[in-house]
Amino acid sequence: MTIKHYFFLLLFALPCLLEAQNHIVIDNGSFVRLSHSNYVTFNNTKLHNEGTLKDGSGTVIMMGTGSKAQASIGGSGTTDLYNLEIDKTANDAQLLGNIEVERHVIMSSGNLDLNGYQLKFGYAPNRGII
């Protein structure tokens, strides 16, 4: 094999050797509104919110087999969800900030580690803007 062949082999093999760092970041001053959504699924994904996240009528699902850090919801922003479902077939989901859930927290599989943060139920002071 020539050096060119080794380069292409490395180029195509490298993504398989790297572990993806799946995360969604909502920056300070940003407003994200999920209106009329059915389901938003985070599969081994960290949600870090420094802005405002409001889910009007859907269900946010935390799922997968990754570590707690890979399936977490956090940040100092306002995270206001309509429904939250935990469907972790291995490990647990974790809070890294306070969140609010208006309707239901559904524990299909796995646990939600509050990690010292607050999970408010039935809290919707500004629901009229959705």
N, C-alpha and C. Protein backbone atom coordinates (compact mmCIF):
# COMPACT_ATOMS: atom_id res chain seq x y z
N MET A 1 0.84 -1.19 0.00
CA MET A 1 0.00 0.00 0.00
C MET A 1 0.88 1.25 0.00
N THR A 2 0.40 2.22 -0.70
CA THR A 2 1.13 3.49 -0.75
C THR A 2 0.68 4.38 0.40
N ILE A 3 1.39 5.47 0.57
CA ILE A 3 1.03 6.43 1.63
C ILE A 3 -0.37 6.99 1.37
N LYS A 4 -0.75 7.12 0.12
CA LYS A 4 -2.07 7.62 -0.25
C LYS A 4 -3.15 6.65 0.27
N HIS A 5 -2.91 5.35 0.15
CA HIS A 5 -3.87 4.36 0.63
C HIS A 5 -4.01 4.42 2.15
N TYR A 6 -2.88 4.58 2.85
CA TYR A 6 -2.93 4.69 4.30
C TYR A 6 -3.68 5.95 4.75
N PHE A 7 -3.49 7.04 4.02
CA PHE A 7 -4.18 8.29 4.33
C PHE A 7 -5.69 8.10 4.23
N PHE A 8 -6.16 7.51 3.13
CA PHE A 8 -7.60 7.31 2.96
C PHE A 8 -8.15 6.31 3.97
N LEU A 9 -7.39 5.29 4.31
CA LEU A 9 -7.82 4.34 5.32
C LEU A 9 -7.98 5.04 6.67
N LEU A 10 -7.03 5.89 7.03
CA LEU A 10 -7.11 6.64 8.26
C LEU A 10 -8.27 7.63 8.23
N LEU A 11 -8.46 8.27 7.09
CA LEU A 11 -9.54 9.25 6.95
C LEU A 11 -10.90 8.62 7.18
N PHE A 12 -11.11 7.41 6.68
CA PHE A 12 -12.41 6.75 6.83
C PHE A 12 -12.54 6.01 8.15
N ALA A 13 -11.46 5.60 8.77
CA ALA A 13 -11.51 4.87 10.03
C ALA A 13 -11.58 5.81 11.24
N LEU A 14 -11.06 7.02 11.12
CA LEU A 14 -10.99 7.94 12.24
C LEU A 14 -12.35 8.25 12.86
N PRO A 15 -13.39 8.53 12.07
CA PRO A 15 -14.69 8.80 12.71
C PRO A 15 -15.20 7.63 13.54
N CYS A 16 -14.86 6.42 13.18
CA CYS A 16 -15.30 5.26 13.95
C CYS A 16 -14.55 5.15 15.27
N LEU A 17 -13.38 5.74 15.36
CA LEU A 17 -12.56 5.65 16.56
C LEU A 17 -12.87 6.77 17.55
N LEU A 18 -13.52 7.83 17.11
CA LEU A 18 -13.81 8.97 17.98
C LEU A 18 -15.18 8.82 18.60
N GLU A 19 -15.30 9.20 19.86
CA GLU A 19 -16.60 9.19 20.53
C GLU A 19 -17.25 10.55 20.32
N ALA A 20 -18.48 10.55 19.88
CA ALA A 20 -19.19 11.80 19.62
C ALA A 20 -19.57 12.48 20.93
N GLN A 21 -19.51 13.77 20.96
CA GLN A 21 -19.91 14.57 22.11
C GLN A 21 -21.22 15.25 21.74
N ASN A 22 -22.33 14.55 21.93
CA ASN A 22 -23.63 15.07 21.54
C ASN A 22 -24.15 16.01 22.60
N HIS A 23 -24.35 17.25 22.22
CA HIS A 23 -24.94 18.21 23.14
C HIS A 23 -25.60 19.33 22.36
N ILE A 24 -26.61 19.90 22.99
CA ILE A 24 -27.31 21.05 22.43
C ILE A 24 -27.14 22.18 23.43
N VAL A 25 -26.73 23.35 22.95
CA VAL A 25 -26.51 24.50 23.81
C VAL A 25 -27.44 25.63 23.37
N ILE A 26 -28.18 26.17 24.31
CA ILE A 26 -29.00 27.36 24.07
C ILE A 26 -28.31 28.50 24.81
N ASP A 27 -27.80 29.46 24.05
CA ASP A 27 -27.01 30.54 24.63
C ASP A 27 -27.86 31.55 25.39
N ASN A 28 -27.21 32.30 26.27
CA ASN A 28 -27.83 33.35 27.03
C ASN A 28 -28.47 34.36 26.08
N GLY A 29 -29.70 34.75 26.37
CA GLY A 29 -30.42 35.70 25.53
C GLY A 29 -31.22 35.05 24.42
N SER A 30 -31.05 33.75 24.21
CA SER A 30 -31.80 33.04 23.17
C SER A 30 -33.12 32.52 23.73
N PHE A 31 -34.12 32.43 22.85
CA PHE A 31 -35.44 31.91 23.22
C PHE A 31 -35.79 30.81 22.24
N VAL A 32 -36.00 29.60 22.73
CA VAL A 32 -36.40 28.48 21.89
C VAL A 32 -37.78 28.04 22.34
N ARG A 33 -38.71 28.00 21.39
CA ARG A 33 -40.07 27.58 21.70
C ARG A 33 -40.41 26.36 20.86
N LEU A 34 -40.81 25.31 21.52
CA LEU A 34 -41.27 24.10 20.85
C LEU A 34 -42.79 24.11 20.93
N SER A 35 -43.44 24.57 19.87
CA SER A 35 -44.90 24.65 19.91
C SER A 35 -45.50 23.59 18.99
N HIS A 36 -46.57 23.03 19.45
CA HIS A 36 -47.32 22.01 18.70
C HIS A 36 -46.43 20.83 18.32
N SER A 37 -45.49 20.50 19.18
CA SER A 37 -44.62 19.36 18.91
C SER A 37 -45.21 18.12 19.56
N ASN A 38 -44.98 16.98 18.95
CA ASN A 38 -45.40 15.73 19.56
C ASN A 38 -44.31 15.22 20.49
N TYR A 39 -43.13 14.94 19.92
CA TYR A 39 -42.02 14.41 20.69
C TYR A 39 -40.70 15.04 20.23
N VAL A 40 -39.86 15.37 21.17
CA VAL A 40 -38.48 15.76 20.88
C VAL A 40 -37.62 14.77 21.67
N THR A 41 -36.79 14.00 20.95
CA THR A 41 -36.03 12.94 21.58
C THR A 41 -34.55 13.30 21.63
N PHE A 42 -33.97 13.17 22.82
CA PHE A 42 -32.54 13.37 23.02
C PHE A 42 -31.95 12.01 23.33
N ASN A 43 -31.25 11.43 22.36
CA ASN A 43 -30.64 10.11 22.51
C ASN A 43 -29.17 10.30 22.88
N ASN A 44 -28.85 10.02 24.15
CA ASN A 44 -27.49 10.24 24.66
C ASN A 44 -27.01 11.66 24.35
N THR A 45 -27.87 12.62 24.64
CA THR A 45 -27.58 14.02 24.31
C THR A 45 -27.75 14.89 25.56
N LYS A 46 -26.79 15.77 25.75
CA LYS A 46 -26.81 16.71 26.86
C LYS A 46 -27.48 18.00 26.39
N LEU A 47 -28.46 18.49 27.14
CA LEU A 47 -29.12 19.76 26.86
C LEU A 47 -28.63 20.78 27.87
N HIS A 48 -27.93 21.81 27.39
CA HIS A 48 -27.40 22.87 28.25
C HIS A 48 -28.08 24.17 27.87
N ASN A 49 -28.89 24.70 28.76
CA ASN A 49 -29.71 25.87 28.47
C ASN A 49 -29.28 27.07 29.33
N GLU A 50 -28.81 28.11 28.67
CA GLU A 50 -28.49 29.37 29.34
C GLU A 50 -29.51 30.44 28.98
N GLY A 51 -30.42 30.13 28.06
CA GLY A 51 -31.44 31.08 27.63
C GLY A 51 -32.80 30.68 28.18
N THR A 52 -33.79 30.58 27.26
CA THR A 52 -35.14 30.18 27.64
C THR A 52 -35.61 29.10 26.68
N LEU A 53 -36.06 27.98 27.24
CA LEU A 53 -36.63 26.88 26.47
C LEU A 53 -38.03 26.63 26.98
N LYS A 54 -39.03 26.75 26.10
CA LYS A 54 -40.42 26.50 26.47
C LYS A 54 -41.01 25.50 25.49
N ASP A 55 -41.54 24.41 26.05
CA ASP A 55 -42.20 23.37 25.26
C ASP A 55 -43.69 23.53 25.47
N GLY A 56 -44.42 23.86 24.40
CA GLY A 56 -45.83 24.20 24.51
C GLY A 56 -46.78 23.05 24.75
N SER A 57 -46.56 21.91 24.11
CA SER A 57 -47.56 20.85 24.23
C SER A 57 -47.02 19.45 23.97
N GLY A 58 -45.74 19.28 23.88
CA GLY A 58 -45.19 17.99 23.52
C GLY A 58 -44.52 17.27 24.67
N THR A 59 -43.73 16.28 24.31
CA THR A 59 -43.00 15.47 25.28
C THR A 59 -41.53 15.46 24.90
N VAL A 60 -40.68 15.82 25.84
CA VAL A 60 -39.23 15.71 25.67
C VAL A 60 -38.82 14.38 26.26
N ILE A 61 -38.12 13.57 25.45
CA ILE A 61 -37.71 12.24 25.87
C ILE A 61 -36.19 12.19 25.99
N MET A 62 -35.71 11.78 27.15
CA MET A 62 -34.29 11.53 27.38
C MET A 62 -34.11 10.02 27.30
N MET A 63 -33.33 9.55 26.30
CA MET A 63 -33.18 8.12 26.14
C MET A 63 -31.76 7.74 25.78
N GLY A 64 -31.49 6.44 25.74
CA GLY A 64 -30.19 5.93 25.34
C GLY A 64 -29.55 5.11 26.43
N THR A 65 -28.29 4.79 26.19
CA THR A 65 -27.53 3.96 27.13
C THR A 65 -26.30 4.69 27.67
N GLY A 66 -26.12 5.94 27.29
CA GLY A 66 -24.94 6.70 27.70
C GLY A 66 -24.96 7.04 29.18
N SER A 67 -23.87 7.59 29.65
CA SER A 67 -23.73 7.97 31.06
C SER A 67 -24.69 9.09 31.43
N LYS A 68 -24.77 9.37 32.74
CA LYS A 68 -25.62 10.47 33.21
C LYS A 68 -25.22 11.80 32.55
N ALA A 69 -23.93 12.01 32.42
CA ALA A 69 -23.45 13.26 31.82
C ALA A 69 -23.86 13.38 30.36
N GLN A 70 -24.04 12.25 29.68
CA GLN A 70 -24.45 12.27 28.27
C GLN A 70 -25.95 12.43 28.13
N ALA A 71 -26.70 12.27 29.18
CA ALA A 71 -28.16 12.40 29.14
C ALA A 71 -28.58 13.32 30.28
N SER A 72 -28.27 14.60 30.13
CA SER A 72 -28.54 15.54 31.22
C SER A 72 -29.24 16.78 30.68
N ILE A 73 -29.93 17.44 31.60
CA ILE A 73 -30.58 18.72 31.31
C ILE A 73 -30.03 19.70 32.33
N GLY A 74 -29.46 20.81 31.85
CA GLY A 74 -28.88 21.74 32.80
C GLY A 74 -28.73 23.13 32.26
N GLY A 75 -28.02 23.92 33.00
CA GLY A 75 -27.79 25.31 32.66
C GLY A 75 -28.57 26.21 33.60
N SER A 76 -28.27 27.50 33.56
CA SER A 76 -28.92 28.45 34.47
C SER A 76 -30.12 29.13 33.84
N GLY A 77 -30.47 28.76 32.60
CA GLY A 77 -31.62 29.35 31.93
C GLY A 77 -32.93 28.75 32.40
N THR A 78 -34.03 29.23 31.82
CA THR A 78 -35.37 28.73 32.14
C THR A 78 -35.69 27.58 31.22
N THR A 79 -35.89 26.39 31.80
CA THR A 79 -36.27 25.21 31.04
C THR A 79 -37.65 24.80 31.50
N ASP A 80 -38.65 25.07 30.66
CA ASP A 80 -40.06 24.83 30.98
C ASP A 80 -40.60 23.81 29.99
N LEU A 81 -40.80 22.58 30.45
CA LEU A 81 -41.26 21.49 29.59
C LEU A 81 -42.72 21.17 29.87
N TYR A 82 -43.42 20.68 28.86
CA TYR A 82 -44.81 20.26 29.03
C TYR A 82 -44.85 18.87 29.66
N ASN A 83 -44.21 17.88 29.02
CA ASN A 83 -44.04 16.53 29.55
C ASN A 83 -42.57 16.16 29.42
N LEU A 84 -42.09 15.36 30.37
CA LEU A 84 -40.73 14.84 30.33
C LEU A 84 -40.79 13.34 30.51
N GLU A 85 -40.16 12.61 29.60
CA GLU A 85 -40.10 11.15 29.71
C GLU A 85 -38.65 10.71 29.83
N ILE A 86 -38.38 9.84 30.78
CA ILE A 86 -37.06 9.24 30.96
C ILE A 86 -37.17 7.81 30.47
N ASP A 87 -36.41 7.48 29.42
CA ASP A 87 -36.43 6.14 28.82
C ASP A 87 -34.98 5.68 28.64
N LYS A 88 -34.27 5.56 29.75
CA LYS A 88 -32.85 5.19 29.74
C LYS A 88 -32.73 3.69 30.02
N THR A 89 -32.37 2.93 29.01
CA THR A 89 -32.25 1.48 29.17
C THR A 89 -30.99 1.08 29.91
N ALA A 90 -30.04 1.98 30.04
CA ALA A 90 -28.84 1.78 30.86
C ALA A 90 -28.46 3.13 31.44
N ASN A 91 -27.91 3.13 32.63
CA ASN A 91 -27.54 4.36 33.33
C ASN A 91 -28.78 5.20 33.61
N ASP A 92 -28.64 6.42 33.99
CA ASP A 92 -29.76 7.29 34.33
C ASP A 92 -29.61 8.63 33.63
N ALA A 93 -30.65 9.44 33.69
CA ALA A 93 -30.58 10.83 33.24
C ALA A 93 -30.29 11.68 34.49
N GLN A 94 -29.80 12.91 34.27
CA GLN A 94 -29.37 13.73 35.39
C GLN A 94 -29.73 15.19 35.15
N LEU A 95 -30.12 15.86 36.22
CA LEU A 95 -30.32 17.31 36.16
C LEU A 95 -29.01 18.01 36.50
N LEU A 96 -28.70 19.03 35.73
CA LEU A 96 -27.55 19.90 36.00
C LEU A 96 -28.02 21.34 36.11
N GLY A 97 -29.30 21.50 36.42
CA GLY A 97 -29.94 22.80 36.60
C GLY A 97 -31.41 22.57 36.94
N ASN A 98 -32.08 23.61 37.42
CA ASN A 98 -33.50 23.51 37.77
C ASN A 98 -34.35 23.48 36.50
N ILE A 99 -35.42 22.67 36.51
CA ILE A 99 -36.35 22.63 35.40
C ILE A 99 -37.79 22.63 35.92
N GLU A 100 -38.71 22.95 35.03
CA GLU A 100 -40.14 22.97 35.35
C GLU A 100 -40.86 22.07 34.35
N VAL A 101 -41.78 21.24 34.85
CA VAL A 101 -42.57 20.36 33.99
C VAL A 101 -44.03 20.62 34.32
N GLU A 102 -44.81 21.03 33.31
CA GLU A 102 -46.20 21.40 33.56
C GLU A 102 -47.10 20.20 33.81
N ARG A 103 -46.96 19.14 33.02
CA ARG A 103 -47.95 18.06 33.10
C ARG A 103 -47.41 16.78 33.76
N HIS A 104 -46.61 16.00 33.03
CA HIS A 104 -46.23 14.67 33.50
C HIS A 104 -44.72 14.43 33.41
N VAL A 105 -44.20 13.71 34.39
CA VAL A 105 -42.87 13.13 34.30
C VAL A 105 -43.11 11.63 34.19
N ILE A 106 -42.73 11.06 33.04
CA ILE A 106 -42.99 9.66 32.74
C ILE A 106 -41.67 8.90 32.89
N MET A 107 -41.67 7.93 33.78
CA MET A 107 -40.47 7.13 34.02
C MET A 107 -40.64 5.78 33.34
N SER A 108 -40.36 5.71 32.04
CA SER A 108 -40.51 4.46 31.27
C SER A 108 -39.42 3.47 31.65
N SER A 109 -38.18 3.96 31.75
CA SER A 109 -37.05 3.09 32.08
C SER A 109 -35.93 3.96 32.62
N GLY A 110 -35.28 3.50 33.68
CA GLY A 110 -34.20 4.27 34.27
C GLY A 110 -34.71 5.29 35.27
N ASN A 111 -33.82 6.10 35.76
CA ASN A 111 -34.12 7.08 36.80
C ASN A 111 -33.69 8.48 36.36
N LEU A 112 -34.20 9.47 37.08
CA LEU A 112 -33.79 10.85 36.90
C LEU A 112 -33.10 11.28 38.19
N ASP A 113 -31.80 11.47 38.14
CA ASP A 113 -31.00 11.92 39.28
C ASP A 113 -31.16 13.43 39.39
N LEU A 114 -31.82 13.90 40.45
CA LEU A 114 -32.02 15.33 40.63
C LEU A 114 -30.72 16.06 40.93
N ASN A 115 -29.75 15.36 41.48
CA ASN A 115 -28.40 15.91 41.66
C ASN A 115 -28.41 17.23 42.44
N GLY A 116 -29.37 17.38 43.37
CA GLY A 116 -29.44 18.60 44.19
C GLY A 116 -30.19 19.74 43.54
N TYR A 117 -30.72 19.56 42.36
CA TYR A 117 -31.47 20.62 41.67
C TYR A 117 -32.97 20.42 41.86
N GLN A 118 -33.77 21.41 41.45
CA GLN A 118 -35.21 21.35 41.64
C GLN A 118 -35.93 20.94 40.36
N LEU A 119 -36.94 20.10 40.53
CA LEU A 119 -37.86 19.72 39.46
C LEU A 119 -39.23 20.16 39.92
N LYS A 120 -39.78 21.22 39.32
CA LYS A 120 -41.08 21.74 39.71
C LYS A 120 -42.15 21.09 38.82
N PHE A 121 -43.24 20.64 39.45
CA PHE A 121 -44.36 20.04 38.73
C PHE A 121 -45.52 21.02 38.64
N GLY A 122 -46.23 20.99 37.52
CA GLY A 122 -47.44 21.79 37.38
C GLY A 122 -47.21 23.28 37.43
N TYR A 123 -46.01 23.71 37.07
CA TYR A 123 -45.63 25.11 37.18
C TYR A 123 -45.66 25.74 35.80
N ALA A 124 -46.57 26.69 35.57
CA ALA A 124 -46.67 27.32 34.24
C ALA A 124 -47.11 28.77 34.35
N PRO A 125 -46.27 29.65 34.90
CA PRO A 125 -46.69 31.03 35.10
C PRO A 125 -46.86 31.81 33.80
N ASN A 126 -46.12 31.49 32.76
CA ASN A 126 -46.17 32.24 31.50
C ASN A 126 -46.66 31.37 30.34
N ARG A 127 -47.50 30.38 30.63
CA ARG A 127 -47.91 29.43 29.60
C ARG A 127 -48.68 30.14 28.46
N GLY A 128 -49.26 31.30 28.71
CA GLY A 128 -50.04 31.99 27.69
C GLY A 128 -49.24 32.43 26.47
N ILE A 129 -47.91 32.53 26.57
CA ILE A 129 -47.14 33.01 25.43
C ILE A 129 -46.87 31.91 24.41
N ILE A 130 -47.18 30.66 24.73
CA ILE A 130 -46.91 29.55 23.81
C ILE A 130 -48.02 29.47 22.80
